[in-house]
Amino acid sequence: MSSKNDILNNIRRHVSVKYDMPEIKINAVKYDSAVSEFMEISRFVGGNAVLLKEDENINALIRTLYPDAETIASNLPEIAISSCNPDETDDPHDFNGVELAVVRGELGVAENGCVWIPQNVKEKALYFIAENLVIVLDKNRIVNNMHEAYEHVARSSYGFGVFISGPSKTADIEQALVIGAHGAKSTTVILI
């Protein structure tokens, strides 16, 4: 048993009155169009969100957005322009030099433009080491706020998952905004 459990069990033994957990009603933000808000906030946080048209090919769209990318890592079956499958390596160091990673997102959040990405690749380092990141997301899987997002995430079992909102950025070095400090320099969400 851990120290934490020892402490909590000791407290429980010495508390004479027990209370039921209160029901908490949260009036979280809701949007008329979660998709429109998600796209706007994505741009606000330095990313990009693009709605794939019905007659548009996702591979052609990615080529238009990243015309110079040569090393493209993806395990998604619909991504024909991939130059390598990230699941075929046992060493995350092999991802060094990957110009573009194309991954699938599970859930988008309109209020902050973030996407929940469970580990859909063998080595999760791909999400952070690629120079640029494209996230493919079903537009019907966008919720209004983080409260709704956590409800969805809590109902599933994930070994690893991460919320990503726009490209990597920090402003703690001399109060100057640095893009791509410890992750992708650009992030694009393609809504399908």
C-alpha atoms as a PDB file:
ATOM      1  CA  MET A   1       0.000   0.000   0.000  1.00  0.00           C
ATOM      2  CA  SER A   2       1.245   3.482  -0.800  1.00  0.00           C
ATOM      3  CA  SER A   3       1.821   6.323   1.639  1.00  0.00           C
ATOM      4  CA  LYS A   4      -1.021   8.198   0.004  1.00  0.00           C
ATOM      5  CA  ASN A   5      -3.453   5.342   0.657  1.00  0.00           C
ATOM      6  CA  ASP A   6      -2.191   4.989   4.234  1.00  0.00           C
ATOM      7  CA  ILE A   7      -2.873   8.679   4.876  1.00  0.00           C
ATOM      8  CA  LEU A   8      -6.325   8.598   3.248  1.00  0.00           C
ATOM      9  CA  ASN A   9      -7.341   5.444   5.140  1.00  0.00           C
ATOM     10  CA  ASN A  10      -6.172   7.009   8.414  1.00  0.00           C
ATOM     11  CA  ILE A  11      -8.283  10.100   7.716  1.00  0.00           C
ATOM     12  CA  ARG A  12     -11.329   7.951   6.872  1.00  0.00           C
ATOM     13  CA  ARG A  13     -11.051   6.081  10.193  1.00  0.00           C
ATOM     14  CA  HIS A  14     -11.119   9.329  12.159  1.00  0.00           C
ATOM     15  CA  VAL A  15     -13.934  11.133  10.342  1.00  0.00           C
ATOM     16  CA  SER A  16     -17.235  10.531  12.082  1.00  0.00           C
ATOM     17  CA  VAL A  17     -19.586  12.315   9.663  1.00  0.00           C
ATOM     18  CA  LYS A  18     -19.735  11.233   6.027  1.00  0.00           C
ATOM     19  CA  TYR A  19     -21.135  13.458   3.313  1.00  0.00           C
ATOM     20  CA  ASP A  20     -22.349  12.592  -0.140  1.00  0.00           C
ATOM     21  CA  MET A  21     -20.482  14.210  -2.993  1.00  0.00           C
ATOM     22  CA  PRO A  22     -22.377  17.278  -4.154  1.00  0.00           C
ATOM     23  CA  GLU A  23     -23.734  17.382  -7.665  1.00  0.00           C
ATOM     24  CA  ILE A  24     -21.906  20.107  -9.518  1.00  0.00           C
ATOM     25  CA  LYS A  25     -23.707  21.873 -12.321  1.00  0.00           C
ATOM     26  CA  ILE A  26     -21.275  23.562 -14.673  1.00  0.00           C
ATOM     27  CA  ASN A  27     -22.511  26.158 -17.112  1.00  0.00           C
ATOM     28  CA  ALA A  28     -19.714  25.698 -19.591  1.00  0.00           C
ATOM     29  CA  VAL A  29     -19.496  27.584 -22.841  1.00  0.00           C
ATOM     30  CA  LYS A  30     -21.547  26.313 -25.807  1.00  0.00           C
ATOM     31  CA  TYR A  31     -21.343  27.484 -29.410  1.00  0.00           C
ATOM     32  CA  ASP A  32     -23.885  27.767 -32.211  1.00  0.00           C
ATOM     33  CA  SER A  33     -21.327  26.146 -34.497  1.00  0.00           C
ATOM     34  CA  ALA A  34     -18.622  24.170 -32.737  1.00  0.00           C
ATOM     35  CA  VAL A  35     -16.882  23.539 -36.080  1.00  0.00           C
ATOM     36  CA  SER A  36     -16.665  27.255 -36.966  1.00  0.00           C
ATOM     37  CA  GLU A  37     -15.440  28.144 -33.469  1.00  0.00           C
ATOM     38  CA  PHE A  38     -12.863  25.333 -33.573  1.00  0.00           C
ATOM     39  CA  MET A  39     -11.507  26.614 -36.894  1.00  0.00           C
ATOM     40  CA  GLU A  40     -11.310  30.208 -35.643  1.00  0.00           C
ATOM     41  CA  ILE A  41      -9.622  29.317 -32.348  1.00  0.00           C
ATOM     42  CA  SER A  42      -7.183  26.984 -34.136  1.00  0.00           C
ATOM     43  CA  ARG A  43      -5.947  29.946 -36.170  1.00  0.00           C
ATOM     44  CA  PHE A  44      -5.863  32.125 -33.040  1.00  0.00           C
ATOM     45  CA  VAL A  45      -3.474  29.704 -31.284  1.00  0.00           C
ATOM     46  CA  GLY A  46      -1.142  29.638 -34.296  1.00  0.00           C
ATOM     47  CA  GLY A  47      -2.449  26.533 -36.015  1.00  0.00           C
ATOM     48  CA  ASN A  48      -4.608  25.983 -39.043  1.00  0.00           C
ATOM     49  CA  ALA A  49      -7.890  24.145 -39.523  1.00  0.00           C
ATOM     50  CA  VAL A  50      -9.148  23.228 -42.978  1.00  0.00           C
ATOM     51  CA  LEU A  51     -12.491  21.725 -43.886  1.00  0.00           C
ATOM     52  CA  LEU A  52     -12.021  19.017 -46.526  1.00  0.00           C
ATOM     53  CA  LYS A  53     -14.566  19.487 -49.302  1.00  0.00           C
ATOM     54  CA  GLU A  54     -16.580  16.448 -50.364  1.00  0.00           C
ATOM     55  CA  ASP A  55     -14.966  16.311 -53.809  1.00  0.00           C
ATOM     56  CA  GLU A  56     -11.454  17.070 -52.517  1.00  0.00           C
ATOM     57  CA  ASN A  57      -8.699  14.482 -52.133  1.00  0.00           C
ATOM     58  CA  ILE A  58      -6.979  14.574 -48.737  1.00  0.00           C
ATOM     59  CA  ASN A  59      -3.587  13.685 -50.263  1.00  0.00           C
ATOM     60  CA  ALA A  60      -3.822  16.558 -52.756  1.00  0.00           C
ATOM     61  CA  LEU A  61      -4.803  18.946 -49.949  1.00  0.00           C
ATOM     62  CA  ILE A  62      -1.809  17.898 -47.822  1.00  0.00           C
ATOM     63  CA  ARG A  63       0.494  18.340 -50.849  1.00  0.00           C
ATOM     64  CA  THR A  64      -0.940  21.839 -51.374  1.00  0.00           C
ATOM     65  CA  LEU A  65      -0.415  22.756 -47.709  1.00  0.00           C
ATOM     66  CA  TYR A  66       3.079  21.205 -47.468  1.00  0.00           C
ATOM     67  CA  PRO A  67       4.490  21.185 -51.028  1.00  0.00           C
ATOM     68  CA  ASP A  68       8.136  20.802 -49.964  1.00  0.00           C
ATOM     69  CA  ALA A  69       7.654  17.939 -47.492  1.00  0.00           C
ATOM     70  CA  GLU A  70       9.553  14.864 -48.639  1.00  0.00           C
ATOM     71  CA  THR A  71       9.660  12.721 -45.509  1.00  0.00           C
ATOM     72  CA  ILE A  72       6.018  12.105 -44.584  1.00  0.00           C
ATOM     73  CA  ALA A  73       5.231   9.614 -41.814  1.00  0.00           C
ATOM     74  CA  SER A  74       1.741   8.177 -41.461  1.00  0.00           C
ATOM     75  CA  ASN A  75       0.055   4.892 -40.686  1.00  0.00           C
ATOM     76  CA  LEU A  76      -3.340   6.072 -41.918  1.00  0.00           C
ATOM     77  CA  PRO A  77      -4.547   3.928 -44.846  1.00  0.00           C
ATOM     78  CA  GLU A  78      -5.995   6.908 -46.723  1.00  0.00           C
ATOM     79  CA  ILE A  79      -2.665   8.772 -46.777  1.00  0.00           C
ATOM     80  CA  ALA A  80      -1.089   7.532 -50.014  1.00  0.00           C
ATOM     81  CA  ILE A  81       1.660  10.196 -50.048  1.00  0.00           C
ATOM     82  CA  SER A  82       3.311   8.775 -46.928  1.00  0.00           C
ATOM     83  CA  SER A  83       6.980   7.959 -47.453  1.00  0.00           C
ATOM     84  CA  CYS A  84       7.254   5.845 -44.292  1.00  0.00           C
ATOM     85  CA  ASN A  85       5.013   3.993 -41.880  1.00  0.00           C
ATOM     86  CA  PRO A  86       5.895   4.934 -38.285  1.00  0.00           C
ATOM     87  CA  ASP A  87       4.755   1.531 -37.051  1.00  0.00           C
ATOM     88  CA  GLU A  88       7.584  -0.166 -38.921  1.00  0.00           C
ATOM     89  CA  THR A  89      10.312   1.150 -36.621  1.00  0.00           C
ATOM     90  CA  ASP A  90      11.325   0.133 -33.120  1.00  0.00           C
ATOM     91  CA  ASP A  91      13.487   3.171 -32.499  1.00  0.00           C
ATOM     92  CA  PRO A  92      11.911   6.630 -32.103  1.00  0.00           C
ATOM     93  CA  HIS A  93      15.273   8.151 -33.092  1.00  0.00           C
ATOM     94  CA  ASP A  94      14.386   7.065 -36.635  1.00  0.00           C
ATOM     95  CA  PHE A  95      11.833   9.905 -36.687  1.00  0.00           C
ATOM     96  CA  ASN A  96      14.587  12.503 -36.616  1.00  0.00           C
ATOM     97  CA  GLY A  97      14.222  14.421 -39.864  1.00  0.00           C
ATOM     98  CA  VAL A  98      10.536  13.617 -40.425  1.00  0.00           C
ATOM     99  CA  GLU A  99       9.217  16.746 -42.082  1.00  0.00           C
ATOM    100  CA  LEU A 100       5.530  15.906 -41.766  1.00  0.00           C
ATOM    101  CA  ALA A 101       3.541  13.482 -39.618  1.00  0.00           C
ATOM    102  CA  VAL A 102      -0.085  12.787 -40.487  1.00  0.00           C
ATOM    103  CA  VAL A 103      -2.043  11.307 -37.572  1.00  0.00           C
ATOM    104  CA  ARG A 104      -5.666  10.789 -36.587  1.00  0.00           C
ATOM    105  CA  GLY A 105      -7.304  12.836 -33.856  1.00  0.00           C
ATOM    106  CA  GLU A 106     -10.097  11.418 -31.764  1.00  0.00           C
ATOM    107  CA  LEU A 107     -11.870  14.529 -30.480  1.00  0.00           C
ATOM    108  CA  GLY A 108     -11.702  18.290 -31.050  1.00  0.00           C
ATOM    109  CA  VAL A 109     -12.542  21.046 -28.555  1.00  0.00           C
ATOM    110  CA  ALA A 110     -14.044  24.278 -29.884  1.00  0.00           C
ATOM    111  CA  GLU A 111     -13.224  26.522 -26.906  1.00  0.00           C
ATOM    112  CA  ASN A 112      -9.437  26.139 -27.243  1.00  0.00           C
ATOM    113  CA  GLY A 113      -8.824  24.528 -30.636  1.00  0.00           C
ATOM    114  CA  CYS A 114      -7.197  21.436 -29.155  1.00  0.00           C
ATOM    115  CA  VAL A 115      -7.445  17.859 -30.389  1.00  0.00           C
ATOM    116  CA  TRP A 116      -7.301  14.712 -28.263  1.00  0.00           C
ATOM    117  CA  ILE A 117      -4.865  12.280 -29.848  1.00  0.00           C
ATOM    118  CA  PRO A 118      -4.649   8.814 -28.334  1.00  0.00           C
ATOM    119  CA  GLN A 119      -1.558   6.797 -29.139  1.00  0.00           C
ATOM    120  CA  ASN A 120      -2.414   5.488 -32.599  1.00  0.00           C
ATOM    121  CA  VAL A 121       1.198   4.880 -33.585  1.00  0.00           C
ATOM    122  CA  LYS A 122       3.768   2.492 -32.167  1.00  0.00           C
ATOM    123  CA  GLU A 123       6.062   5.272 -30.891  1.00  0.00           C
ATOM    124  CA  LYS A 124       4.347   8.393 -29.510  1.00  0.00           C
ATOM    125  CA  ALA A 125       7.513  10.431 -30.089  1.00  0.00           C
ATOM    126  CA  LEU A 126       6.265  10.980 -33.649  1.00  0.00           C
ATOM    127  CA  TYR A 127       3.691  13.493 -32.361  1.00  0.00           C
ATOM    128  CA  PHE A 128       6.445  15.709 -30.976  1.00  0.00           C
ATOM    129  CA  ILE A 129       9.522  15.174 -33.132  1.00  0.00           C
ATOM    130  CA  ALA A 130       8.019  15.797 -36.586  1.00  0.00           C
ATOM    131  CA  GLU A 131       8.728  19.266 -37.994  1.00  0.00           C
ATOM    132  CA  ASN A 132       5.056  19.671 -38.961  1.00  0.00           C
ATOM    133  CA  LEU A 133       1.930  17.875 -37.821  1.00  0.00           C
ATOM    134  CA  VAL A 134      -1.311  17.216 -39.690  1.00  0.00           C
ATOM    135  CA  ILE A 135      -4.195  15.885 -37.628  1.00  0.00           C
ATOM    136  CA  VAL A 136      -7.116  14.268 -39.451  1.00  0.00           C
ATOM    137  CA  LEU A 137     -10.308  14.761 -37.435  1.00  0.00           C
ATOM    138  CA  ASP A 138     -13.956  13.913 -38.048  1.00  0.00           C
ATOM    139  CA  LYS A 139     -15.805  17.258 -37.951  1.00  0.00           C
ATOM    140  CA  ASN A 140     -18.677  15.549 -36.115  1.00  0.00           C
ATOM    141  CA  ARG A 141     -16.306  14.784 -33.222  1.00  0.00           C
ATOM    142  CA  ILE A 142     -15.897  18.404 -32.080  1.00  0.00           C
ATOM    143  CA  VAL A 143     -17.311  19.248 -28.664  1.00  0.00           C
ATOM    144  CA  ASN A 144     -17.903  22.692 -27.197  1.00  0.00           C
ATOM    145  CA  ASN A 145     -15.609  22.706 -24.176  1.00  0.00           C
ATOM    146  CA  MET A 146     -13.076  20.774 -22.097  1.00  0.00           C
ATOM    147  CA  HIS A 147     -15.787  19.540 -19.695  1.00  0.00           C
ATOM    148  CA  GLU A 148     -17.447  17.697 -22.579  1.00  0.00           C
ATOM    149  CA  ALA A 149     -14.066  16.513 -23.842  1.00  0.00           C
ATOM    150  CA  TYR A 150     -13.101  14.998 -20.492  1.00  0.00           C
ATOM    151  CA  GLU A 151     -16.447  13.198 -20.330  1.00  0.00           C
ATOM    152  CA  HIS A 152     -15.633  11.504 -23.655  1.00  0.00           C
ATOM    153  CA  VAL A 153     -12.034  10.750 -22.698  1.00  0.00           C
ATOM    154  CA  ALA A 154     -13.041   9.337 -19.295  1.00  0.00           C
ATOM    155  CA  ARG A 155     -15.359   6.793 -20.962  1.00  0.00           C
ATOM    156  CA  SER A 156     -12.493   5.272 -22.920  1.00  0.00           C
ATOM    157  CA  SER A 157      -9.360   3.463 -21.900  1.00  0.00           C
ATOM    158  CA  TYR A 158      -6.206   4.941 -23.355  1.00  0.00           C
ATOM    159  CA  GLY A 159      -2.654   3.923 -22.579  1.00  0.00           C
ATOM    160  CA  PHE A 160      -1.457   7.356 -23.675  1.00  0.00           C
ATOM    161  CA  GLY A 161      -3.141  10.413 -25.060  1.00  0.00           C
ATOM    162  CA  VAL A 162      -2.393  14.093 -25.455  1.00  0.00           C
ATOM    163  CA  PHE A 163      -4.317  17.278 -26.187  1.00  0.00           C
ATOM    164  CA  ILE A 164      -2.534  19.300 -28.880  1.00  0.00           C
ATOM    165  CA  SER A 165      -3.551  22.865 -29.692  1.00  0.00           C
ATOM    166  CA  GLY A 166      -1.599  24.487 -32.497  1.00  0.00           C
ATOM    167  CA  PRO A 167       2.151  24.274 -32.958  1.00  0.00           C
ATOM    168  CA  SER A 168       4.569  23.988 -30.064  1.00  0.00           C
ATOM    169  CA  LYS A 169       5.201  27.395 -28.522  1.00  0.00           C
ATOM    170  CA  THR A 170       6.753  29.000 -25.480  1.00  0.00           C
ATOM    171  CA  ALA A 171       7.256  32.568 -24.303  1.00  0.00           C
ATOM    172  CA  ASP A 172       9.305  31.931 -21.185  1.00  0.00           C
ATOM    173  CA  ILE A 173      12.643  32.825 -22.780  1.00  0.00           C
ATOM    174  CA  GLU A 174      13.036  36.577 -22.392  1.00  0.00           C
ATOM    175  CA  GLN A 175       9.268  36.925 -22.906  1.00  0.00           C
ATOM    176  CA  ALA A 176       9.661  36.287 -26.640  1.00  0.00           C
ATOM    177  CA  LEU A 177       7.265  33.899 -28.372  1.00  0.00           C
ATOM    178  CA  VAL A 178       9.130  30.956 -29.890  1.00  0.00           C
ATOM    179  CA  ILE A 179       7.243  28.597 -32.229  1.00  0.00           C
ATOM    180  CA  GLY A 180       8.421  24.991 -32.475  1.00  0.00           C
ATOM    181  CA  ALA A 181      10.500  25.090 -29.304  1.00  0.00           C
ATOM    182  CA  HIS A 182       9.695  21.536 -28.244  1.00  0.00           C
ATOM    183  CA  GLY A 183       7.429  20.103 -30.890  1.00  0.00           C
ATOM    184  CA  ALA A 184       5.972  20.745 -34.321  1.00  0.00           C
ATOM    185  CA  LYS A 185       6.585  24.127 -35.948  1.00  0.00           C
ATOM    186  CA  SER A 186       3.172  23.986 -37.582  1.00  0.00           C
ATOM    187  CA  THR A 187      -0.047  22.127 -36.916  1.00  0.00           C
ATOM    188  CA  THR A 188      -2.906  21.740 -39.353  1.00  0.00           C
ATOM    189  CA  VAL A 189      -6.179  20.017 -38.543  1.00  0.00           C
ATOM    190  CA  ILE A 190      -8.009  18.618 -41.571  1.00  0.00           C
ATOM    191  CA  LEU A 191     -11.691  18.243 -40.756  1.00  0.00           C
ATOM    192  CA  ILE A 192     -13.333  15.446 -42.706  1.00  0.00           C
END
